[in-house]
Amino acid sequence: MTKTEILTLFVQVLVKAAADAGFAMRRIILIKYLYLLDVYIAQESGDKFSDFNWIFYKFGPFDNKANEFIDSLIEQKLILTEKYDSKYETDFTLIKPIENSPRTIDIWRALGNYKQSLSRIFKHDLLRFMDDTYSLLYYIYFETEPMKNVQMNQVLKFANLQKDLYGVRPYEEVGTISKTKINKIKEKLRKNRNQIVHKQIVFPKYDDSLLDEFDTEFFAGNEIEDFKCRADIK
């Protein structure tokens, strides 16, 4: 399989896993998980998997090619979109799986050399963050090595990352998890999340259409100078 085919499979399986966990993906979350896949594989192998040229832009890692890649999957109907109403004027778009989405085991086979990376995403991060964009961005900003000590618009480096796959057990195939167990896990995650107090900076809980407005306010004046210096906070 080509890299594009494997990344397509990864996105399809990720979107389906999110739906099975009870929430729908959004574009900003998908882009960040493509970045996390590169981070974790770089920790395992010494370099990132994709050809995306990640830079520090807006809320952390971004690459226009990654954005266009998601557009291409939507155009090919390999993932589906659905707009929903909100309290804001702009419609927001959810990303949902197609009816015959690839199976989870397919991405494990395609990336068989990187089972620890997949375990961290599918068995840890996806269930920990779910649709909580706020916590996901905080984690990416402050706890992923390529984002440390970088300035706005700088290219992120993935070579020689520390092997920091903490808390991830070796991959093992498991049977289907019951909906009852999934619901119990989700409820426990919600309770734990409500007890977390973040330090140094607080992101608002926002939807995609609010990004530009928040960028203007947050990065106004010299505030970005203070923020970029805190990118190595644990």
C-alpha atoms as a PDB file:
ATOM      1  CA  MET A   1       0.000   0.000   0.000  1.00  0.00           C
ATOM      2  CA  THR A   2       1.118   3.563  -0.672  1.00  0.00           C
ATOM      3  CA  LYS A   3       1.394   6.151   2.112  1.00  0.00           C
ATOM      4  CA  THR A   4      -1.720   7.868   0.804  1.00  0.00           C
ATOM      5  CA  GLU A   5      -3.674   4.611   0.916  1.00  0.00           C
ATOM      6  CA  ILE A   6      -2.499   3.880   4.457  1.00  0.00           C
ATOM      7  CA  LEU A   7      -3.347   7.395   5.672  1.00  0.00           C
ATOM      8  CA  THR A   8      -6.757   7.090   4.013  1.00  0.00           C
ATOM      9  CA  LEU A   9      -7.305   3.823   5.866  1.00  0.00           C
ATOM     10  CA  PHE A  10      -6.152   5.432   9.120  1.00  0.00           C
ATOM     11  CA  VAL A  11      -8.634   8.312   8.801  1.00  0.00           C
ATOM     12  CA  GLN A  12     -11.518   5.992   7.889  1.00  0.00           C
ATOM     13  CA  VAL A  13     -10.838   3.691  10.839  1.00  0.00           C
ATOM     14  CA  LEU A  14     -10.382   6.648  13.193  1.00  0.00           C
ATOM     15  CA  VAL A  15     -13.689   8.213  12.153  1.00  0.00           C
ATOM     16  CA  LYS A  16     -15.448   4.873  12.611  1.00  0.00           C
ATOM     17  CA  ALA A  17     -13.806   4.354  16.038  1.00  0.00           C
ATOM     18  CA  ALA A  18     -15.020   7.795  17.119  1.00  0.00           C
ATOM     19  CA  ALA A  19     -18.563   6.963  16.019  1.00  0.00           C
ATOM     20  CA  ASP A  20     -18.410   3.667  17.911  1.00  0.00           C
ATOM     21  CA  ALA A  21     -17.287   5.609  21.010  1.00  0.00           C
ATOM     22  CA  GLY A  22     -20.320   7.874  20.720  1.00  0.00           C
ATOM     23  CA  PHE A  23     -19.073  11.056  19.060  1.00  0.00           C
ATOM     24  CA  ALA A  24     -18.380  12.489  15.607  1.00  0.00           C
ATOM     25  CA  MET A  25     -15.028  13.763  14.408  1.00  0.00           C
ATOM     26  CA  ARG A  26     -14.423  17.289  13.172  1.00  0.00           C
ATOM     27  CA  ARG A  27     -11.774  18.510  10.765  1.00  0.00           C
ATOM     28  CA  ILE A  28      -9.539  20.083  13.416  1.00  0.00           C
ATOM     29  CA  ILE A  29      -9.490  16.825  15.403  1.00  0.00           C
ATOM     30  CA  LEU A  30      -8.653  14.739  12.333  1.00  0.00           C
ATOM     31  CA  ILE A  31      -5.726  16.986  11.451  1.00  0.00           C
ATOM     32  CA  LYS A  32      -4.334  16.731  14.962  1.00  0.00           C
ATOM     33  CA  TYR A  33      -4.563  12.932  14.922  1.00  0.00           C
ATOM     34  CA  LEU A  34      -2.653  12.830  11.637  1.00  0.00           C
ATOM     35  CA  TYR A  35       0.008  14.857  13.447  1.00  0.00           C
ATOM     36  CA  LEU A  36      -0.032  12.520  16.454  1.00  0.00           C
ATOM     37  CA  LEU A  37       0.416   9.524  14.167  1.00  0.00           C
ATOM     38  CA  ASP A  38       3.575  11.171  12.819  1.00  0.00           C
ATOM     39  CA  VAL A  39       4.811  11.969  16.339  1.00  0.00           C
ATOM     40  CA  TYR A  40       4.315   8.468  17.683  1.00  0.00           C
ATOM     41  CA  ILE A  41       5.788   6.744  14.628  1.00  0.00           C
ATOM     42  CA  ALA A  42       8.770   9.104  14.794  1.00  0.00           C
ATOM     43  CA  GLN A  43       9.257   8.019  18.415  1.00  0.00           C
ATOM     44  CA  GLU A  44       9.254   4.384  17.301  1.00  0.00           C
ATOM     45  CA  SER A  45      11.209   4.639  14.059  1.00  0.00           C
ATOM     46  CA  GLY A  46      13.211   7.869  14.179  1.00  0.00           C
ATOM     47  CA  ASP A  47      11.131   9.860  11.682  1.00  0.00           C
ATOM     48  CA  LYS A  48       7.546  10.686  10.818  1.00  0.00           C
ATOM     49  CA  PHE A  49       5.426   8.534   8.513  1.00  0.00           C
ATOM     50  CA  SER A  50       3.635  11.064   6.314  1.00  0.00           C
ATOM     51  CA  ASP A  51       4.986  13.599   3.834  1.00  0.00           C
ATOM     52  CA  PHE A  52       3.078  16.422   5.519  1.00  0.00           C
ATOM     53  CA  ASN A  53       5.188  19.486   6.267  1.00  0.00           C
ATOM     54  CA  TRP A  54       3.910  20.321   9.736  1.00  0.00           C
ATOM     55  CA  ILE A  55       4.411  23.880  10.950  1.00  0.00           C
ATOM     56  CA  PHE A  56       3.438  25.769  14.121  1.00  0.00           C
ATOM     57  CA  TYR A  57       0.311  27.594  12.971  1.00  0.00           C
ATOM     58  CA  LYS A  58      -2.772  28.720  14.866  1.00  0.00           C
ATOM     59  CA  PHE A  59      -3.567  26.000  17.417  1.00  0.00           C
ATOM     60  CA  GLY A  60      -0.401  24.006  16.983  1.00  0.00           C
ATOM     61  CA  PRO A  61       0.637  21.692  14.148  1.00  0.00           C
ATOM     62  CA  PHE A  62      -0.895  22.349  10.730  1.00  0.00           C
ATOM     63  CA  ASP A  63      -0.169  21.586   7.099  1.00  0.00           C
ATOM     64  CA  ASN A  64      -2.304  22.686   4.187  1.00  0.00           C
ATOM     65  CA  LYS A  65      -1.646  19.380   2.416  1.00  0.00           C
ATOM     66  CA  ALA A  66      -3.171  17.550   5.382  1.00  0.00           C
ATOM     67  CA  ASN A  67      -6.203  19.819   5.094  1.00  0.00           C
ATOM     68  CA  GLU A  68      -6.451  19.154   1.349  1.00  0.00           C
ATOM     69  CA  PHE A  69      -6.056  15.432   2.015  1.00  0.00           C
ATOM     70  CA  ILE A  70      -9.183  15.466   4.182  1.00  0.00           C
ATOM     71  CA  ASP A  71     -10.989  17.441   1.470  1.00  0.00           C
ATOM     72  CA  SER A  72     -10.076  14.749  -1.062  1.00  0.00           C
ATOM     73  CA  LEU A  73     -11.483  11.989   1.184  1.00  0.00           C
ATOM     74  CA  ILE A  74     -14.738  13.919   1.499  1.00  0.00           C
ATOM     75  CA  GLU A  75     -14.934  14.492  -2.255  1.00  0.00           C
ATOM     76  CA  GLN A  76     -14.361  10.772  -2.881  1.00  0.00           C
ATOM     77  CA  LYS A  77     -17.034   9.968  -0.281  1.00  0.00           C
ATOM     78  CA  LEU A  78     -14.573   7.886   1.730  1.00  0.00           C
ATOM     79  CA  ILE A  79     -15.784   9.792   4.781  1.00  0.00           C
ATOM     80  CA  LEU A  80     -19.076  11.655   5.153  1.00  0.00           C
ATOM     81  CA  THR A  81     -19.939  15.126   6.408  1.00  0.00           C
ATOM     82  CA  GLU A  82     -23.051  16.351   8.157  1.00  0.00           C
ATOM     83  CA  LYS A  83     -23.887  19.921   9.161  1.00  0.00           C
ATOM     84  CA  TYR A  84     -25.657  20.661  12.411  1.00  0.00           C
ATOM     85  CA  ASP A  85     -27.140  23.745  13.978  1.00  0.00           C
ATOM     86  CA  SER A  86     -25.567  25.506  16.927  1.00  0.00           C
ATOM     87  CA  LYS A  87     -26.054  28.609  19.001  1.00  0.00           C
ATOM     88  CA  TYR A  88     -23.705  30.393  16.621  1.00  0.00           C
ATOM     89  CA  GLU A  89     -24.687  31.709  13.188  1.00  0.00           C
ATOM     90  CA  THR A  90     -22.351  29.448  11.235  1.00  0.00           C
ATOM     91  CA  ASP A  91     -23.194  25.803  10.572  1.00  0.00           C
ATOM     92  CA  PHE A  92     -20.703  23.291  11.922  1.00  0.00           C
ATOM     93  CA  THR A  93     -19.683  20.137  10.139  1.00  0.00           C
ATOM     94  CA  LEU A  94     -19.315  16.700  11.655  1.00  0.00           C
ATOM     95  CA  ILE A  95     -17.323  13.964   9.941  1.00  0.00           C
ATOM     96  CA  LYS A  96     -18.858  10.506  10.013  1.00  0.00           C
ATOM     97  CA  PRO A  97     -17.934   7.065   8.676  1.00  0.00           C
ATOM     98  CA  ILE A  98     -19.274   5.536   5.491  1.00  0.00           C
ATOM     99  CA  GLU A  99     -21.537   2.514   5.792  1.00  0.00           C
ATOM    100  CA  ASN A 100     -18.862  -0.050   4.900  1.00  0.00           C
ATOM    101  CA  SER A 101     -15.884   1.453   6.678  1.00  0.00           C
ATOM    102  CA  PRO A 102     -12.641  -0.545   6.854  1.00  0.00           C
ATOM    103  CA  ARG A 103     -12.168  -2.663   9.949  1.00  0.00           C
ATOM    104  CA  THR A 104      -9.855  -1.664  12.785  1.00  0.00           C
ATOM    105  CA  ILE A 105      -7.691  -4.713  12.145  1.00  0.00           C
ATOM    106  CA  ASP A 106      -6.983  -3.399   8.624  1.00  0.00           C
ATOM    107  CA  ILE A 107      -4.962  -0.439   9.889  1.00  0.00           C
ATOM    108  CA  TRP A 108      -3.092  -2.701  12.331  1.00  0.00           C
ATOM    109  CA  ARG A 109      -2.071  -4.861   9.392  1.00  0.00           C
ATOM    110  CA  ALA A 110      -1.135  -1.885   7.213  1.00  0.00           C
ATOM    111  CA  LEU A 111       1.035  -0.343   9.963  1.00  0.00           C
ATOM    112  CA  GLY A 112       2.172  -3.581  11.526  1.00  0.00           C
ATOM    113  CA  ASN A 113       5.580  -2.172  12.442  1.00  0.00           C
ATOM    114  CA  TYR A 114       4.014   0.584  14.520  1.00  0.00           C
ATOM    115  CA  LYS A 115       1.564  -1.195  16.794  1.00  0.00           C
ATOM    116  CA  GLN A 116       2.580   0.881  19.819  1.00  0.00           C
ATOM    117  CA  SER A 117       1.719   4.076  17.953  1.00  0.00           C
ATOM    118  CA  LEU A 118      -1.677   2.722  16.966  1.00  0.00           C
ATOM    119  CA  SER A 119      -2.324   1.508  20.504  1.00  0.00           C
ATOM    120  CA  ARG A 120      -1.621   4.945  21.875  1.00  0.00           C
ATOM    121  CA  ILE A 121      -4.062   6.588  19.458  1.00  0.00           C
ATOM    122  CA  PHE A 122      -6.913   4.089  19.423  1.00  0.00           C
ATOM    123  CA  LYS A 123      -6.710   2.650  22.944  1.00  0.00           C
ATOM    124  CA  HIS A 124      -5.552   5.723  24.818  1.00  0.00           C
ATOM    125  CA  ASP A 125      -5.876   9.151  23.186  1.00  0.00           C
ATOM    126  CA  LEU A 126      -9.179   8.576  21.395  1.00  0.00           C
ATOM    127  CA  LEU A 127     -10.932   7.449  24.575  1.00  0.00           C
ATOM    128  CA  ARG A 128      -9.194  10.024  26.761  1.00  0.00           C
ATOM    129  CA  PHE A 129     -10.009  13.095  24.661  1.00  0.00           C
ATOM    130  CA  MET A 130     -13.077  11.985  22.680  1.00  0.00           C
ATOM    131  CA  ASP A 131     -14.591  15.234  21.283  1.00  0.00           C
ATOM    132  CA  ASP A 132     -12.933  17.456  23.892  1.00  0.00           C
ATOM    133  CA  THR A 133     -10.950  19.630  21.478  1.00  0.00           C
ATOM    134  CA  TYR A 134      -9.814  21.846  24.347  1.00  0.00           C
ATOM    135  CA  SER A 135      -7.929  19.049  26.130  1.00  0.00           C
ATOM    136  CA  LEU A 136      -6.586  17.546  22.903  1.00  0.00           C
ATOM    137  CA  LEU A 137      -5.079  20.879  21.834  1.00  0.00           C
ATOM    138  CA  TYR A 138      -3.619  21.467  25.286  1.00  0.00           C
ATOM    139  CA  TYR A 139      -1.947  18.057  25.172  1.00  0.00           C
ATOM    140  CA  ILE A 140      -0.559  18.609  21.676  1.00  0.00           C
ATOM    141  CA  TYR A 141       0.658  22.117  22.455  1.00  0.00           C
ATOM    142  CA  PHE A 142       2.428  21.357  25.705  1.00  0.00           C
ATOM    143  CA  GLU A 143       3.201  17.639  25.721  1.00  0.00           C
ATOM    144  CA  THR A 144       4.357  16.669  22.218  1.00  0.00           C
ATOM    145  CA  GLU A 145       8.054  17.135  21.594  1.00  0.00           C
ATOM    146  CA  PRO A 146       7.969  18.704  18.086  1.00  0.00           C
ATOM    147  CA  MET A 147       5.988  21.645  19.550  1.00  0.00           C
ATOM    148  CA  LYS A 148       8.645  22.490  22.135  1.00  0.00           C
ATOM    149  CA  ASN A 149      10.654  25.677  21.699  1.00  0.00           C
ATOM    150  CA  VAL A 150       9.216  26.602  18.306  1.00  0.00           C
ATOM    151  CA  GLN A 151       7.919  29.886  16.991  1.00  0.00           C
ATOM    152  CA  MET A 152       4.916  30.662  14.818  1.00  0.00           C
ATOM    153  CA  ASN A 153       5.285  29.370  11.227  1.00  0.00           C
ATOM    154  CA  GLN A 154       8.397  27.330  11.993  1.00  0.00           C
ATOM    155  CA  VAL A 155       8.635  23.812  10.561  1.00  0.00           C
ATOM    156  CA  LEU A 156       8.334  21.126  13.244  1.00  0.00           C
ATOM    157  CA  LYS A 157      11.134  18.580  13.622  1.00  0.00           C
ATOM    158  CA  PHE A 158      10.496  14.861  14.034  1.00  0.00           C
ATOM    159  CA  ALA A 159      13.995  13.391  13.944  1.00  0.00           C
ATOM    160  CA  ASN A 160      15.522  11.933  17.100  1.00  0.00           C
ATOM    161  CA  LEU A 161      12.439  12.245  19.290  1.00  0.00           C
ATOM    162  CA  GLN A 162      12.505  10.644  22.716  1.00  0.00           C
ATOM    163  CA  LYS A 163      10.815   7.261  22.866  1.00  0.00           C
ATOM    164  CA  ASP A 164       8.006   8.466  25.085  1.00  0.00           C
ATOM    165  CA  LEU A 165       5.283   5.860  24.612  1.00  0.00           C
ATOM    166  CA  TYR A 166       4.312   5.924  28.273  1.00  0.00           C
ATOM    167  CA  GLY A 167       1.358   4.031  29.578  1.00  0.00           C
ATOM    168  CA  VAL A 168       0.863   1.959  26.437  1.00  0.00           C
ATOM    169  CA  ARG A 169       0.679  -1.779  26.800  1.00  0.00           C
ATOM    170  CA  PRO A 170       1.916  -4.048  23.998  1.00  0.00           C
ATOM    171  CA  TYR A 171      -0.651  -4.573  21.268  1.00  0.00           C
ATOM    172  CA  GLU A 172      -2.969  -7.504  21.627  1.00  0.00           C
ATOM    173  CA  GLU A 173      -6.095  -8.329  19.690  1.00  0.00           C
ATOM    174  CA  VAL A 174      -9.288  -8.149  21.711  1.00  0.00           C
ATOM    175  CA  GLY A 175     -12.876  -8.986  21.040  1.00  0.00           C
ATOM    176  CA  THR A 176     -15.681  -6.512  20.540  1.00  0.00           C
ATOM    177  CA  ILE A 177     -16.261  -4.221  23.527  1.00  0.00           C
ATOM    178  CA  SER A 178     -19.860  -4.082  24.666  1.00  0.00           C
ATOM    179  CA  LYS A 179     -21.784  -0.805  24.522  1.00  0.00           C
ATOM    180  CA  THR A 180     -22.363  -1.053  28.279  1.00  0.00           C
ATOM    181  CA  LYS A 181     -18.632  -1.127  28.952  1.00  0.00           C
ATOM    182  CA  ILE A 182     -18.014   1.720  26.499  1.00  0.00           C
ATOM    183  CA  ASN A 183     -20.667   3.851  28.227  1.00  0.00           C
ATOM    184  CA  LYS A 184     -19.094   3.173  31.619  1.00  0.00           C
ATOM    185  CA  ILE A 185     -15.691   4.216  30.274  1.00  0.00           C
ATOM    186  CA  LYS A 186     -17.156   7.376  28.749  1.00  0.00           C
ATOM    187  CA  GLU A 187     -18.845   8.333  32.016  1.00  0.00           C
ATOM    188  CA  LYS A 188     -15.630   7.770  33.975  1.00  0.00           C
ATOM    189  CA  LEU A 189     -13.699   9.901  31.473  1.00  0.00           C
ATOM    190  CA  ARG A 190     -16.228  12.721  31.804  1.00  0.00           C
ATOM    191  CA  LYS A 191     -15.940  12.691  35.614  1.00  0.00           C
ATOM    192  CA  ASN A 192     -12.142  12.645  35.495  1.00  0.00           C
ATOM    193  CA  ARG A 193     -12.062  15.424  32.922  1.00  0.00           C
ATOM    194  CA  ASN A 194     -14.198  17.665  35.129  1.00  0.00           C
ATOM    195  CA  GLN A 195     -11.635  17.337  37.914  1.00  0.00           C
ATOM    196  CA  ILE A 196      -8.672  18.456  35.796  1.00  0.00           C
ATOM    197  CA  VAL A 197      -7.292  21.936  36.428  1.00  0.00           C
ATOM    198  CA  HIS A 198      -4.986  23.153  33.645  1.00  0.00           C
ATOM    199  CA  LYS A 199      -2.082  25.447  34.412  1.00  0.00           C
ATOM    200  CA  GLN A 200      -0.674  28.494  32.632  1.00  0.00           C
ATOM    201  CA  ILE A 201      -3.283  28.845  29.891  1.00  0.00           C
ATOM    202  CA  VAL A 202      -6.945  28.113  29.350  1.00  0.00           C
ATOM    203  CA  PHE A 203      -8.327  27.483  25.894  1.00  0.00           C
ATOM    204  CA  PRO A 204     -12.007  28.183  25.333  1.00  0.00           C
ATOM    205  CA  LYS A 205     -14.209  25.316  24.260  1.00  0.00           C
ATOM    206  CA  TYR A 206     -14.916  26.326  20.679  1.00  0.00           C
ATOM    207  CA  ASP A 207     -16.129  25.201  17.290  1.00  0.00           C
ATOM    208  CA  ASP A 208     -14.187  25.499  14.036  1.00  0.00           C
ATOM    209  CA  SER A 209     -15.779  28.752  12.923  1.00  0.00           C
ATOM    210  CA  LEU A 210     -14.517  30.515  16.058  1.00  0.00           C
ATOM    211  CA  LEU A 211     -10.852  29.860  15.295  1.00  0.00           C
ATOM    212  CA  ASP A 212     -10.197  33.115  13.429  1.00  0.00           C
ATOM    213  CA  GLU A 213     -11.871  35.191  16.118  1.00  0.00           C
ATOM    214  CA  PHE A 214      -9.886  33.481  18.868  1.00  0.00           C
ATOM    215  CA  ASP A 215      -6.633  33.795  16.894  1.00  0.00           C
ATOM    216  CA  THR A 216      -7.163  37.546  16.597  1.00  0.00           C
ATOM    217  CA  GLU A 217      -7.761  37.986  20.317  1.00  0.00           C
ATOM    218  CA  PHE A 218      -5.261  35.497  21.699  1.00  0.00           C
ATOM    219  CA  PHE A 219      -2.316  36.254  19.424  1.00  0.00           C
ATOM    220  CA  ALA A 220      -2.767  40.028  19.461  1.00  0.00           C
ATOM    221  CA  GLY A 221       0.192  42.227  20.333  1.00  0.00           C
ATOM    222  CA  ASN A 222       3.002  40.577  22.282  1.00  0.00           C
ATOM    223  CA  GLU A 223       0.952  37.760  23.775  1.00  0.00           C
ATOM    224  CA  ILE A 224       2.323  35.279  21.244  1.00  0.00           C
ATOM    225  CA  GLU A 225       5.848  35.962  22.521  1.00  0.00           C
ATOM    226  CA  ASP A 226       4.825  34.854  26.001  1.00  0.00           C
ATOM    227  CA  PHE A 227       2.898  31.866  24.690  1.00  0.00           C
ATOM    228  CA  LYS A 228       5.583  30.368  22.489  1.00  0.00           C
ATOM    229  CA  CYS A 229       8.033  30.449  25.381  1.00  0.00           C
ATOM    230  CA  ARG A 230       5.743  28.214  27.400  1.00  0.00           C
ATOM    231  CA  ALA A 231       5.630  25.439  24.819  1.00  0.00           C
ATOM    232  CA  ASP A 232       7.982  23.270  26.855  1.00  0.00           C
ATOM    233  CA  ILE A 233       5.828  23.286  29.996  1.00  0.00           C
ATOM    234  CA  LYS A 234       5.030  19.778  31.256  1.00  0.00           C
END
